[in-house]
Amino acid sequence: MGATNGGLIAMLGLPGGWEWLIILLIIVLLFGGAKIAGVGKSTGKAIREFKEELSGPDGAKPAPAPDADATSGQSTTN
């Protein structure tokens, strides 16, 4: 077979270096720089809020599970 990654990408029809630049230019022309910056800002805000929600209220870590000996009510010292 002998196909390299470059050959595979070309076979699949995925864009290369110059094609990505042209696609980016078209996106900027269609939406404008300000709108693209706003999308980036709102995406960053959403990611930060999501991470805060995962960590719990006020960024506190969840309490560790209690030790098995402490919950049984029996003392380990004699």
C-alpha atoms as a PDB file:
ATOM      1  CA  MET A   1       0.000   0.000   0.000  1.00  0.00           C
ATOM      2  CA  GLY A   2       2.693   2.528   1.001  1.00  0.00           C
ATOM      3  CA  ALA A   3       0.274   5.425   1.577  1.00  0.00           C
ATOM      4  CA  THR A   4       1.635   8.125   3.857  1.00  0.00           C
ATOM      5  CA  ASN A   5      -0.448  10.360   6.086  1.00  0.00           C
ATOM      6  CA  GLY A   6      -0.253  13.098   3.467  1.00  0.00           C
ATOM      7  CA  GLY A   7      -1.534  10.682   0.848  1.00  0.00           C
ATOM      8  CA  LEU A   8      -4.364   9.574   3.123  1.00  0.00           C
ATOM      9  CA  ILE A   9      -5.420  13.152   3.798  1.00  0.00           C
ATOM     10  CA  ALA A  10      -5.338  13.917   0.092  1.00  0.00           C
ATOM     11  CA  MET A  11      -7.408  10.813  -0.616  1.00  0.00           C
ATOM     12  CA  LEU A  12     -10.057  11.820   1.924  1.00  0.00           C
ATOM     13  CA  GLY A  13     -10.226  15.323   0.510  1.00  0.00           C
ATOM     14  CA  LEU A  14      -9.481  17.126   3.769  1.00  0.00           C
ATOM     15  CA  PRO A  15      -8.214  20.692   3.393  1.00  0.00           C
ATOM     16  CA  GLY A  16      -4.510  21.424   3.692  1.00  0.00           C
ATOM     17  CA  GLY A  17      -2.570  24.558   4.695  1.00  0.00           C
ATOM     18  CA  TRP A  18      -3.675  27.065   2.041  1.00  0.00           C
ATOM     19  CA  GLU A  19      -7.223  25.749   2.036  1.00  0.00           C
ATOM     20  CA  TRP A  20      -7.556  26.401   5.780  1.00  0.00           C
ATOM     21  CA  LEU A  21      -6.299  29.962   5.264  1.00  0.00           C
ATOM     22  CA  ILE A  22      -8.892  30.576   2.556  1.00  0.00           C
ATOM     23  CA  ILE A  23     -11.670  29.069   4.710  1.00  0.00           C
ATOM     24  CA  LEU A  24     -10.643  31.313   7.638  1.00  0.00           C
ATOM     25  CA  LEU A  25     -10.654  34.382   5.379  1.00  0.00           C
ATOM     26  CA  ILE A  26     -14.154  33.540   4.112  1.00  0.00           C
ATOM     27  CA  ILE A  27     -15.425  33.099   7.684  1.00  0.00           C
ATOM     28  CA  VAL A  28     -13.989  36.481   8.713  1.00  0.00           C
ATOM     29  CA  LEU A  29     -15.568  38.134   5.676  1.00  0.00           C
ATOM     30  CA  LEU A  30     -18.976  36.560   6.341  1.00  0.00           C
ATOM     31  CA  PHE A  31     -19.222  37.113  10.086  1.00  0.00           C
ATOM     32  CA  GLY A  32     -16.796  39.938  10.807  1.00  0.00           C
ATOM     33  CA  GLY A  33     -14.039  40.065  13.385  1.00  0.00           C
ATOM     34  CA  ALA A  34     -16.196  41.443  16.207  1.00  0.00           C
ATOM     35  CA  LYS A  35     -18.765  38.664  15.971  1.00  0.00           C
ATOM     36  CA  ILE A  36     -16.061  35.968  15.901  1.00  0.00           C
ATOM     37  CA  ALA A  37     -14.409  37.547  18.971  1.00  0.00           C
ATOM     38  CA  GLY A  38     -17.781  37.556  20.752  1.00  0.00           C
ATOM     39  CA  VAL A  39     -18.270  33.864  20.010  1.00  0.00           C
ATOM     40  CA  GLY A  40     -14.811  33.105  21.417  1.00  0.00           C
ATOM     41  CA  LYS A  41     -15.514  35.151  24.545  1.00  0.00           C
ATOM     42  CA  SER A  42     -18.867  33.482  25.185  1.00  0.00           C
ATOM     43  CA  THR A  43     -17.356  30.030  24.598  1.00  0.00           C
ATOM     44  CA  GLY A  44     -14.616  30.742  27.143  1.00  0.00           C
ATOM     45  CA  LYS A  45     -17.189  31.977  29.661  1.00  0.00           C
ATOM     46  CA  ALA A  46     -19.303  28.860  29.176  1.00  0.00           C
ATOM     47  CA  ILE A  47     -16.281  26.591  29.706  1.00  0.00           C
ATOM     48  CA  ARG A  48     -15.317  28.447  32.914  1.00  0.00           C
ATOM     49  CA  GLU A  49     -18.878  28.185  34.271  1.00  0.00           C
ATOM     50  CA  PHE A  50     -18.994  24.489  33.421  1.00  0.00           C
ATOM     51  CA  LYS A  51     -15.729  23.846  35.293  1.00  0.00           C
ATOM     52  CA  GLU A  52     -17.033  25.811  38.302  1.00  0.00           C
ATOM     53  CA  GLU A  53     -20.200  23.714  38.352  1.00  0.00           C
ATOM     54  CA  LEU A  54     -18.184  20.505  38.270  1.00  0.00           C
ATOM     55  CA  SER A  55     -16.052  21.580  41.235  1.00  0.00           C
ATOM     56  CA  GLY A  56     -19.097  22.381  43.394  1.00  0.00           C
ATOM     57  CA  PRO A  57     -20.221  25.536  45.198  1.00  0.00           C
ATOM     58  CA  ASP A  58     -17.541  28.187  45.780  1.00  0.00           C
ATOM     59  CA  GLY A  59     -14.954  25.979  44.096  1.00  0.00           C
ATOM     60  CA  ALA A  60     -14.879  23.658  47.111  1.00  0.00           C
ATOM     61  CA  LYS A  61     -13.768  20.085  46.611  1.00  0.00           C
ATOM     62  CA  PRO A  62     -16.180  17.363  47.766  1.00  0.00           C
ATOM     63  CA  ALA A  63     -15.461  16.050  51.253  1.00  0.00           C
ATOM     64  CA  PRO A  64     -13.581  12.742  51.371  1.00  0.00           C
ATOM     65  CA  ALA A  65     -15.538   9.666  52.345  1.00  0.00           C
ATOM     66  CA  PRO A  66     -15.431   8.947  56.086  1.00  0.00           C
ATOM     67  CA  ASP A  67     -13.097   6.217  57.306  1.00  0.00           C
ATOM     68  CA  ALA A  68     -14.760   2.803  57.727  1.00  0.00           C
ATOM     69  CA  ASP A  69     -13.539   2.448  61.358  1.00  0.00           C
ATOM     70  CA  ALA A  70     -14.900   5.872  62.311  1.00  0.00           C
ATOM     71  CA  THR A  71     -18.394   5.069  61.033  1.00  0.00           C
ATOM     72  CA  SER A  72     -18.708   1.736  62.816  1.00  0.00           C
ATOM     73  CA  GLY A  73     -18.796   3.375  66.259  1.00  0.00           C
ATOM     74  CA  GLN A  74     -16.140   1.052  67.650  1.00  0.00           C
ATOM     75  CA  SER A  75     -12.925   2.334  69.054  1.00  0.00           C
ATOM     76  CA  THR A  76      -9.708   0.851  67.769  1.00  0.00           C
ATOM     77  CA  THR A  77      -7.767   1.687  70.959  1.00  0.00           C
ATOM     78  CA  ASN A  78      -7.945  -0.641  73.970  1.00  0.00           C
END
